[in-house]
All heavy atoms as atom14 arrays in JSON, in Angstrom:
{
  "sequence": "EAYGGVTPAVPHVRIKEILQKPVAEWKDVLKNDFEISVFARHP",
  "atom14_mask": [
    [1, 1, 1, 1, 1, 1, 1, 1, 1, 0, 0, 0, 0, 0],
    [1, 1, 1, 1, 1, 0, 0, 0, 0, 0, 0, 0, 0, 0],
    [1, 1, 1, 1, 1, 1, 1, 1, 1, 1, 1, 1, 0, 0],
    [1, 1, 1, 1, 0, 0, 0, 0, 0, 0, 0, 0, 0, 0],
    [1, 1, 1, 1, 0, 0, 0, 0, 0, 0, 0, 0, 0, 0],
    [1, 1, 1, 1, 1, 1, 1, 0, 0, 0, 0, 0, 0, 0],
    [1, 1, 1, 1, 1, 1, 1, 0, 0, 0, 0, 0, 0, 0],
    [1, 1, 1, 1, 1, 1, 1, 0, 0, 0, 0, 0, 0, 0],
    [1, 1, 1, 1, 1, 0, 0, 0, 0, 0, 0, 0, 0, 0],
    [1, 1, 1, 1, 1, 1, 1, 0, 0, 0, 0, 0, 0, 0],
    [1, 1, 1, 1, 1, 1, 1, 0, 0, 0, 0, 0, 0, 0],
    [1, 1, 1, 1, 1, 1, 1, 1, 1, 1, 0, 0, 0, 0],
    [1, 1, 1, 1, 1, 1, 1, 0, 0, 0, 0, 0, 0, 0],
    [1, 1, 1, 1, 1, 1, 1, 1, 1, 1, 1, 0, 0, 0],
    [1, 1, 1, 1, 1, 1, 1, 1, 0, 0, 0, 0, 0, 0],
    [1, 1, 1, 1, 1, 1, 1, 1, 1, 0, 0, 0, 0, 0],
    [1, 1, 1, 1, 1, 1, 1, 1, 1, 0, 0, 0, 0, 0],
    [1, 1, 1, 1, 1, 1, 1, 1, 0, 0, 0, 0, 0, 0],
    [1, 1, 1, 1, 1, 1, 1, 1, 0, 0, 0, 0, 0, 0],
    [1, 1, 1, 1, 1, 1, 1, 1, 1, 0, 0, 0, 0, 0],
    [1, 1, 1, 1, 1, 1, 1, 1, 1, 0, 0, 0, 0, 0],
    [1, 1, 1, 1, 1, 1, 1, 0, 0, 0, 0, 0, 0, 0],
    [1, 1, 1, 1, 1, 1, 1, 0, 0, 0, 0, 0, 0, 0],
    [1, 1, 1, 1, 1, 0, 0, 0, 0, 0, 0, 0, 0, 0],
    [1, 1, 1, 1, 1, 1, 1, 1, 1, 0, 0, 0, 0, 0],
    [1, 1, 1, 1, 1, 1, 1, 1, 1, 1, 1, 1, 1, 1],
    [1, 1, 1, 1, 1, 1, 1, 1, 1, 0, 0, 0, 0, 0],
    [1, 1, 1, 1, 1, 1, 1, 1, 0, 0, 0, 0, 0, 0],
    [1, 1, 1, 1, 1, 1, 1, 0, 0, 0, 0, 0, 0, 0],
    [1, 1, 1, 1, 1, 1, 1, 1, 0, 0, 0, 0, 0, 0],
    [1, 1, 1, 1, 1, 1, 1, 1, 1, 0, 0, 0, 0, 0],
    [1, 1, 1, 1, 1, 1, 1, 1, 0, 0, 0, 0, 0, 0],
    [1, 1, 1, 1, 1, 1, 1, 1, 0, 0, 0, 0, 0, 0],
    [1, 1, 1, 1, 1, 1, 1, 1, 1, 1, 1, 0, 0, 0],
    [1, 1, 1, 1, 1, 1, 1, 1, 1, 0, 0, 0, 0, 0],
    [1, 1, 1, 1, 1, 1, 1, 1, 0, 0, 0, 0, 0, 0],
    [1, 1, 1, 1, 1, 1, 0, 0, 0, 0, 0, 0, 0, 0],
    [1, 1, 1, 1, 1, 1, 1, 0, 0, 0, 0, 0, 0, 0],
    [1, 1, 1, 1, 1, 1, 1, 1, 1, 1, 1, 0, 0, 0],
    [1, 1, 1, 1, 1, 0, 0, 0, 0, 0, 0, 0, 0, 0],
    [1, 1, 1, 1, 1, 1, 1, 1, 1, 1, 1, 0, 0, 0],
    [1, 1, 1, 1, 1, 1, 1, 1, 1, 1, 0, 0, 0, 0],
    [1, 1, 1, 1, 1, 1, 1, 0, 0, 0, 0, 0, 0, 0]
  ],
  "atom14_positions": [
    [[-88.29, -52.32, 131.0], [-87.96, -52.88, 132.31], [-86.71, -52.2, 132.88], [-86.66, -51.84, 134.06], [-87.71, -54.37, 132.17], [-87.19, -55.06, 133.42], [-86.73, -56.49, 133.18], [-86.98, -57.03, 132.08], [-86.1, -57.06, 134.08], [0.0, 0.0, 0.0], [0.0, 0.0, 0.0], [0.0, 0.0, 0.0], [0.0, 0.0, 0.0], [0.0, 0.0, 0.0]],
    [[-85.71, -52.0, 132.02], [-84.46, -51.41, 132.48], [-84.67, -49.97, 132.96], [-84.21, -49.58, 134.05], [-83.43, -51.44, 131.36], [0.0, 0.0, 0.0], [0.0, 0.0, 0.0], [0.0, 0.0, 0.0], [0.0, 0.0, 0.0], [0.0, 0.0, 0.0], [0.0, 0.0, 0.0], [0.0, 0.0, 0.0], [0.0, 0.0, 0.0], [0.0, 0.0, 0.0]],
    [[-85.38, -49.18, 132.18], [-85.62, -47.78, 132.57], [-86.54, -47.69, 133.78], [-86.42, -46.76, 134.59], [-86.2, -46.99, 131.4], [-85.16, -46.45, 130.46], [-84.88, -47.09, 129.26], [-84.44, -45.3, 130.77], [-83.91, -46.6, 128.39], [-83.47, -44.81, 129.92], [-83.22, -45.46, 128.73], [-82.25, -44.97, 127.87], [0.0, 0.0, 0.0], [0.0, 0.0, 0.0]],
    [[-87.46, -48.65, 133.91], [-88.39, -48.62, 135.03], [-87.72, -48.77, 136.37], [-88.28, -48.37, 137.4], [0.0, 0.0, 0.0], [0.0, 0.0, 0.0], [0.0, 0.0, 0.0], [0.0, 0.0, 0.0], [0.0, 0.0, 0.0], [0.0, 0.0, 0.0], [0.0, 0.0, 0.0], [0.0, 0.0, 0.0], [0.0, 0.0, 0.0], [0.0, 0.0, 0.0]],
    [[-86.51, -49.31, 136.4], [-85.82, -49.51, 137.66], [-84.77, -48.45, 137.98], [-84.02, -48.6, 138.95], [0.0, 0.0, 0.0], [0.0, 0.0, 0.0], [0.0, 0.0, 0.0], [0.0, 0.0, 0.0], [0.0, 0.0, 0.0], [0.0, 0.0, 0.0], [0.0, 0.0, 0.0], [0.0, 0.0, 0.0], [0.0, 0.0, 0.0], [0.0, 0.0, 0.0]],
    [[-84.72, -47.39, 137.18], [-83.68, -46.37, 137.35], [-84.28, -45.07, 137.89], [-85.34, -44.62, 137.45], [-82.98, -46.08, 136.01], [-82.07, -44.87, 136.13], [-82.17, -47.3, 135.57], [0.0, 0.0, 0.0], [0.0, 0.0, 0.0], [0.0, 0.0, 0.0], [0.0, 0.0, 0.0], [0.0, 0.0, 0.0], [0.0, 0.0, 0.0], [0.0, 0.0, 0.0]],
    [[-83.6, -44.47, 138.86], [-83.94, -43.13, 139.33], [-82.93, -42.16, 138.73], [-81.74, -42.19, 139.09], [-83.88, -43.04, 140.87], [-84.82, -43.99, 141.42], [-84.23, -41.64, 141.33], [0.0, 0.0, 0.0], [0.0, 0.0, 0.0], [0.0, 0.0, 0.0], [0.0, 0.0, 0.0], [0.0, 0.0, 0.0], [0.0, 0.0, 0.0], [0.0, 0.0, 0.0]],
    [[-83.35, -41.31, 137.79], [-82.4, -40.4, 137.13], [-81.71, -39.48, 138.12], [-82.31, -39.02, 139.1], [-83.29, -39.61, 136.16], [-84.48, -40.48, 135.93], [-84.71, -41.19, 137.23], [0.0, 0.0, 0.0], [0.0, 0.0, 0.0], [0.0, 0.0, 0.0], [0.0, 0.0, 0.0], [0.0, 0.0, 0.0], [0.0, 0.0, 0.0], [0.0, 0.0, 0.0]],
    [[-80.44, -39.2, 137.89], [-79.67, -38.3, 138.76], [-78.42, -37.84, 138.02], [-77.87, -38.57, 137.19], [-79.28, -39.01, 140.05], [0.0, 0.0, 0.0], [0.0, 0.0, 0.0], [0.0, 0.0, 0.0], [0.0, 0.0, 0.0], [0.0, 0.0, 0.0], [0.0, 0.0, 0.0], [0.0, 0.0, 0.0], [0.0, 0.0, 0.0], [0.0, 0.0, 0.0]],
    [[-77.98, -36.64, 138.33], [-76.74, -36.12, 137.76], [-75.57, -36.71, 138.54], [-75.53, -36.6, 139.78], [-76.7, -34.58, 137.84], [-75.37, -34.05, 137.3], [-77.87, -33.98, 137.05], [0.0, 0.0, 0.0], [0.0, 0.0, 0.0], [0.0, 0.0, 0.0], [0.0, 0.0, 0.0], [0.0, 0.0, 0.0], [0.0, 0.0, 0.0], [0.0, 0.0, 0.0]],
    [[-74.61, -37.35, 137.89], [-73.48, -37.98, 138.61], [-72.54, -36.94, 139.2], [-72.43, -35.81, 138.7], [-72.79, -38.79, 137.51], [-73.11, -38.06, 136.24], [-74.51, -37.53, 136.42], [0.0, 0.0, 0.0], [0.0, 0.0, 0.0], [0.0, 0.0, 0.0], [0.0, 0.0, 0.0], [0.0, 0.0, 0.0], [0.0, 0.0, 0.0], [0.0, 0.0, 0.0]],
    [[-71.86, -37.33, 140.26], [-70.9, -36.42, 140.89], [-69.67, -36.22, 140.02], [-69.07, -35.13, 139.98], [-70.49, -36.96, 142.26], [-71.6, -37.03, 143.25], [-72.28, -35.91, 143.7], [-72.2, -38.08, 143.86], [-73.21, -36.26, 144.56], [-73.19, -37.58, 144.68], [0.0, 0.0, 0.0], [0.0, 0.0, 0.0], [0.0, 0.0, 0.0], [0.0, 0.0, 0.0]],
    [[-69.26, -37.29, 139.31], [-68.11, -37.22, 138.42], [-68.56, -37.65, 137.04], [-69.21, -38.68, 136.88], [-66.96, -38.14, 138.91], [-65.74, -37.97, 138.01], [-66.62, -37.85, 140.37], [0.0, 0.0, 0.0], [0.0, 0.0, 0.0], [0.0, 0.0, 0.0], [0.0, 0.0, 0.0], [0.0, 0.0, 0.0], [0.0, 0.0, 0.0], [0.0, 0.0, 0.0]],
    [[-68.21, -36.85, 136.03], [-68.67, -37.15, 134.68], [-67.8, -38.22, 134.03], [-66.62, -38.4, 134.36], [-68.67, -35.87, 133.82], [-69.4, -34.7, 134.43], [-70.79, -35.06, 134.94], [-71.76, -35.25, 133.89], [-72.7, -34.35, 133.55], [-72.78, -33.2, 134.2], [-73.56, -34.62, 132.59], [0.0, 0.0, 0.0], [0.0, 0.0, 0.0], [0.0, 0.0, 0.0]],
    [[-68.41, -38.92, 133.09], [-67.73, -40.04, 132.44], [-66.45, -39.61, 131.74], [-65.42, -40.3, 131.8], [-68.7, -40.74, 131.47], [-69.76, -41.52, 132.26], [-67.95, -41.67, 130.51], [-70.84, -42.14, 131.41], [0.0, 0.0, 0.0], [0.0, 0.0, 0.0], [0.0, 0.0, 0.0], [0.0, 0.0, 0.0], [0.0, 0.0, 0.0], [0.0, 0.0, 0.0]],
    [[-66.49, -38.47, 131.07], [-65.29, -38.0, 130.35], [-64.1, -37.87, 131.29], [-62.96, -38.22, 130.93], [-65.58, -36.66, 129.68], [-64.42, -36.14, 128.85], [-64.77, -34.83, 128.16], [-63.6, -34.32, 127.31], [-63.95, -33.05, 126.61], [0.0, 0.0, 0.0], [0.0, 0.0, 0.0], [0.0, 0.0, 0.0], [0.0, 0.0, 0.0], [0.0, 0.0, 0.0]],
    [[-64.35, -37.4, 132.5], [-63.27, -37.24, 133.48], [-62.76, -38.6, 133.95], [-61.55, -38.82, 134.08], [-63.8, -36.44, 134.67], [-62.75, -36.18, 135.75], [-63.31, -35.36, 136.89], [-64.36, -34.69, 136.71], [-62.7, -35.38, 137.98], [0.0, 0.0, 0.0], [0.0, 0.0, 0.0], [0.0, 0.0, 0.0], [0.0, 0.0, 0.0], [0.0, 0.0, 0.0]],
    [[-63.67, -39.54, 134.18], [-63.27, -40.86, 134.65], [-62.41, -41.58, 133.62], [-61.43, -42.26, 133.95], [-64.51, -41.71, 134.99], [-65.28, -41.08, 136.14], [-64.11, -43.15, 135.34], [-66.63, -41.73, 136.4], [0.0, 0.0, 0.0], [0.0, 0.0, 0.0], [0.0, 0.0, 0.0], [0.0, 0.0, 0.0], [0.0, 0.0, 0.0], [0.0, 0.0, 0.0]],
    [[-62.76, -41.41, 132.34], [-62.06, -42.12, 131.28], [-60.61, -41.67, 131.1], [-59.84, -42.34, 130.41], [-62.81, -41.98, 129.95], [-64.19, -42.65, 129.89], [-64.83, -42.41, 128.53], [-64.09, -44.15, 130.18], [0.0, 0.0, 0.0], [0.0, 0.0, 0.0], [0.0, 0.0, 0.0], [0.0, 0.0, 0.0], [0.0, 0.0, 0.0], [0.0, 0.0, 0.0]],
    [[-60.26, -40.56, 131.71], [-58.86, -40.12, 131.64], [-57.97, -40.9, 132.6], [-56.75, -40.85, 132.52], [-58.77, -38.61, 131.97], [-59.66, -37.73, 131.09], [-59.5, -38.0, 129.62], [-58.38, -38.01, 129.09], [-60.61, -38.25, 128.93], [0.0, 0.0, 0.0], [0.0, 0.0, 0.0], [0.0, 0.0, 0.0], [0.0, 0.0, 0.0], [0.0, 0.0, 0.0]],
    [[-58.6, -41.63, 133.52], [-57.85, -42.41, 134.49], [-57.48, -43.77, 133.88], [-58.1, -44.22, 132.92], [-58.68, -42.64, 135.76], [-59.14, -41.36, 136.46], [-60.01, -41.7, 137.65], [-60.53, -40.45, 138.34], [-59.42, -39.7, 138.97], [0.0, 0.0, 0.0], [0.0, 0.0, 0.0], [0.0, 0.0, 0.0], [0.0, 0.0, 0.0], [0.0, 0.0, 0.0]],
    [[-56.47, -44.46, 134.42], [-56.15, -45.81, 133.95], [-57.35, -46.74, 134.1], [-58.17, -46.57, 135.02], [-54.99, -46.24, 134.87], [-54.4, -44.96, 135.36], [-55.54, -43.99, 135.46], [0.0, 0.0, 0.0], [0.0, 0.0, 0.0], [0.0, 0.0, 0.0], [0.0, 0.0, 0.0], [0.0, 0.0, 0.0], [0.0, 0.0, 0.0], [0.0, 0.0, 0.0]],
    [[-57.47, -47.72, 133.23], [-58.62, -48.64, 133.25], [-58.78, -49.3, 134.61], [-59.89, -49.5, 135.09], [-58.47, -49.71, 132.14], [-59.64, -50.68, 132.18], [-58.37, -49.06, 130.77], [0.0, 0.0, 0.0], [0.0, 0.0, 0.0], [0.0, 0.0, 0.0], [0.0, 0.0, 0.0], [0.0, 0.0, 0.0], [0.0, 0.0, 0.0], [0.0, 0.0, 0.0]],
    [[-57.67, -49.63, 135.25], [-57.72, -50.32, 136.53], [-58.37, -49.48, 137.63], [-58.76, -50.01, 138.67], [-56.33, -50.75, 136.96], [0.0, 0.0, 0.0], [0.0, 0.0, 0.0], [0.0, 0.0, 0.0], [0.0, 0.0, 0.0], [0.0, 0.0, 0.0], [0.0, 0.0, 0.0], [0.0, 0.0, 0.0], [0.0, 0.0, 0.0], [0.0, 0.0, 0.0]],
    [[-58.53, -48.16, 137.4], [-59.16, -47.28, 138.4], [-60.63, -47.02, 138.11], [-61.29, -46.27, 138.82], [-58.39, -45.96, 138.46], [-56.97, -46.11, 138.95], [-56.24, -44.77, 139.05], [-56.91, -43.72, 139.09], [-54.99, -44.77, 139.08], [0.0, 0.0, 0.0], [0.0, 0.0, 0.0], [0.0, 0.0, 0.0], [0.0, 0.0, 0.0], [0.0, 0.0, 0.0]],
    [[-61.18, -47.66, 137.07], [-62.57, -47.41, 136.71], [-63.56, -48.17, 137.59], [-64.72, -47.78, 137.7], [-62.83, -47.84, 135.26], [-62.14, -47.02, 134.22], [-61.37, -45.92, 134.38], [-62.14, -47.29, 132.81], [-60.9, -45.46, 133.18], [-61.36, -46.29, 132.2], [-62.73, -48.28, 132.02], [-61.16, -46.25, 130.82], [-62.54, -48.25, 130.65], [-61.76, -47.23, 130.06]],
    [[-63.13, -49.26, 138.2], [-64.05, -50.22, 138.81], [-65.11, -49.6, 139.7], [-66.3, -49.92, 139.6], [-63.24, -51.28, 139.59], [-64.12, -52.31, 140.28], [-63.28, -53.35, 141.01], [-64.18, -54.37, 141.72], [-63.4, -55.38, 142.46], [0.0, 0.0, 0.0], [0.0, 0.0, 0.0], [0.0, 0.0, 0.0], [0.0, 0.0, 0.0], [0.0, 0.0, 0.0]],
    [[-64.73, -48.74, 140.6], [-65.67, -48.22, 141.6], [-66.3, -46.88, 141.23], [-67.12, -46.36, 142.0], [-64.98, -48.1, 142.96], [-64.51, -49.45, 143.49], [-65.27, -50.43, 143.34], [-63.39, -49.52, 144.04], [0.0, 0.0, 0.0], [0.0, 0.0, 0.0], [0.0, 0.0, 0.0], [0.0, 0.0, 0.0], [0.0, 0.0, 0.0], [0.0, 0.0, 0.0]],
    [[-65.92, -46.34, 140.07], [-66.42, -45.0, 139.73], [-67.14, -44.93, 138.39], [-67.98, -44.05, 138.18], [-65.26, -43.97, 139.73], [-64.79, -43.7, 141.16], [-64.09, -44.42, 138.86], [0.0, 0.0, 0.0], [0.0, 0.0, 0.0], [0.0, 0.0, 0.0], [0.0, 0.0, 0.0], [0.0, 0.0, 0.0], [0.0, 0.0, 0.0], [0.0, 0.0, 0.0]],
    [[-66.83, -45.85, 137.47], [-67.47, -45.84, 136.15], [-68.64, -46.83, 136.2], [-68.45, -48.04, 136.16], [-66.47, -46.24, 135.07], [-66.94, -46.08, 133.62], [-67.23, -44.63, 133.28], [-65.89, -46.64, 132.65], [0.0, 0.0, 0.0], [0.0, 0.0, 0.0], [0.0, 0.0, 0.0], [0.0, 0.0, 0.0], [0.0, 0.0, 0.0], [0.0, 0.0, 0.0]],
    [[-69.85, -46.3, 136.27], [-71.01, -47.13, 136.56], [-72.01, -47.14, 135.41], [-72.07, -46.21, 134.6], [-71.71, -46.61, 137.83], [-70.8, -46.63, 139.06], [-71.53, -46.15, 140.29], [-70.61, -46.13, 141.51], [-70.08, -47.45, 141.84], [0.0, 0.0, 0.0], [0.0, 0.0, 0.0], [0.0, 0.0, 0.0], [0.0, 0.0, 0.0], [0.0, 0.0, 0.0]],
    [[-72.79, -48.21, 135.36], [-73.94, -48.32, 134.47], [-75.18, -48.29, 135.36], [-75.41, -49.21, 136.15], [-73.87, -49.62, 133.68], [-75.06, -49.8, 132.73], [-76.12, -49.24, 132.92], [-74.87, -50.64, 131.72], [0.0, 0.0, 0.0], [0.0, 0.0, 0.0], [0.0, 0.0, 0.0], [0.0, 0.0, 0.0], [0.0, 0.0, 0.0], [0.0, 0.0, 0.0]],
    [[-75.98, -47.24, 135.24], [-77.12, -47.05, 136.14], [-78.17, -48.16, 136.04], [-78.98, -48.33, 136.95], [-77.81, -45.71, 135.85], [-77.05, -44.52, 136.44], [-76.14, -44.75, 137.26], [-77.38, -43.38, 136.09], [0.0, 0.0, 0.0], [0.0, 0.0, 0.0], [0.0, 0.0, 0.0], [0.0, 0.0, 0.0], [0.0, 0.0, 0.0], [0.0, 0.0, 0.0]],
    [[-78.16, -48.91, 134.96], [-79.14, -49.98, 134.8], [-78.8, -51.22, 135.63], [-79.66, -52.07, 135.86], [-79.25, -50.4, 133.33], [-79.88, -49.36, 132.44], [-79.19, -48.86, 131.36], [-81.16, -48.91, 132.67], [-79.76, -47.91, 130.53], [-81.75, -47.96, 131.86], [-81.04, -47.46, 130.78], [0.0, 0.0, 0.0], [0.0, 0.0, 0.0], [0.0, 0.0, 0.0]],
    [[-77.55, -51.33, 136.07], [-77.12, -52.59, 136.68], [-77.87, -52.92, 137.97], [-78.21, -54.09, 138.2], [-75.62, -52.55, 136.95], [-74.76, -52.7, 135.72], [-73.29, -52.85, 136.05], [-72.91, -52.67, 137.23], [-72.52, -53.16, 135.13], [0.0, 0.0, 0.0], [0.0, 0.0, 0.0], [0.0, 0.0, 0.0], [0.0, 0.0, 0.0], [0.0, 0.0, 0.0]],
    [[-78.13, -51.95, 138.82], [-78.71, -52.25, 140.13], [-80.03, -52.98, 139.98], [-80.25, -54.05, 140.57], [-78.89, -50.95, 140.95], [-77.52, -50.35, 141.29], [-79.68, -51.24, 142.22], [-77.6, -49.02, 142.01], [0.0, 0.0, 0.0], [0.0, 0.0, 0.0], [0.0, 0.0, 0.0], [0.0, 0.0, 0.0], [0.0, 0.0, 0.0], [0.0, 0.0, 0.0]],
    [[-80.94, -52.43, 139.18], [-82.26, -53.05, 139.06], [-82.22, -54.31, 138.19], [-82.9, -55.29, 138.48], [-83.27, -52.06, 138.49], [-82.9, -51.63, 137.19], [0.0, 0.0, 0.0], [0.0, 0.0, 0.0], [0.0, 0.0, 0.0], [0.0, 0.0, 0.0], [0.0, 0.0, 0.0], [0.0, 0.0, 0.0], [0.0, 0.0, 0.0], [0.0, 0.0, 0.0]],
    [[-81.4, -54.3, 137.14], [-81.32, -55.47, 136.27], [-80.69, -56.65, 137.01], [-81.18, -57.78, 136.93], [-80.52, -55.16, 134.98], [-80.24, -56.43, 134.19], [-81.3, -54.17, 134.1], [0.0, 0.0, 0.0], [0.0, 0.0, 0.0], [0.0, 0.0, 0.0], [0.0, 0.0, 0.0], [0.0, 0.0, 0.0], [0.0, 0.0, 0.0], [0.0, 0.0, 0.0]],
    [[-79.63, -56.4, 137.77], [-79.0, -57.48, 138.52], [-79.95, -58.03, 139.59], [-79.93, -59.23, 139.9], [-77.72, -57.0, 139.19], [-76.57, -56.75, 138.23], [-75.35, -56.29, 138.71], [-76.71, -56.96, 136.88], [-74.29, -56.06, 137.84], [-75.65, -56.72, 136.0], [-74.44, -56.28, 136.48], [0.0, 0.0, 0.0], [0.0, 0.0, 0.0], [0.0, 0.0, 0.0]],
    [[-80.78, -57.15, 140.17], [-81.72, -57.6, 141.18], [-82.75, -58.56, 140.59], [-83.13, -59.55, 141.22], [-82.42, -56.41, 141.83], [0.0, 0.0, 0.0], [0.0, 0.0, 0.0], [0.0, 0.0, 0.0], [0.0, 0.0, 0.0], [0.0, 0.0, 0.0], [0.0, 0.0, 0.0], [0.0, 0.0, 0.0], [0.0, 0.0, 0.0], [0.0, 0.0, 0.0]],
    [[-83.21, -58.26, 139.37], [-84.21, -59.12, 138.71], [-83.56, -60.35, 138.07], [-84.19, -61.4, 137.97], [-84.95, -58.31, 137.65], [-85.89, -57.26, 138.19], [-86.73, -56.67, 137.06], [-87.68, -55.68, 137.54], [-87.45, -54.38, 137.59], [-86.28, -53.92, 137.19], [-88.36, -53.55, 138.04], [0.0, 0.0, 0.0], [0.0, 0.0, 0.0], [0.0, 0.0, 0.0]],
    [[-82.32, -60.18, 137.6], [-81.65, -61.25, 136.87], [-80.25, -61.45, 137.47], [-79.25, -61.01, 136.9], [-81.54, -60.9, 135.38], [-82.85, -60.54, 134.74], [-83.8, -61.48, 134.42], [-83.36, -59.33, 134.39], [-84.83, -60.87, 133.87], [-84.6, -59.57, 133.84], [0.0, 0.0, 0.0], [0.0, 0.0, 0.0], [0.0, 0.0, 0.0], [0.0, 0.0, 0.0]],
    [[-80.15, -62.09, 138.63], [-78.86, -62.21, 139.32], [-77.8, -62.94, 138.5], [-76.61, -62.74, 138.74], [-79.2, -62.97, 140.6], [-80.55, -63.58, 140.36], [-81.26, -62.68, 139.41], [0.0, 0.0, 0.0], [0.0, 0.0, 0.0], [0.0, 0.0, 0.0], [0.0, 0.0, 0.0], [0.0, 0.0, 0.0], [0.0, 0.0, 0.0], [0.0, 0.0, 0.0]]
  ]
}
């Protein structure tokens, strides 16, 4: 179900680069691709 709702894509910024930033700056850039479809089915 989780994979069925994901459209694969190469991210603009890689996770390794994001993790070098303070945790408080992760909110809008460090993403889990499964969340959009999973949250839609299970709010």
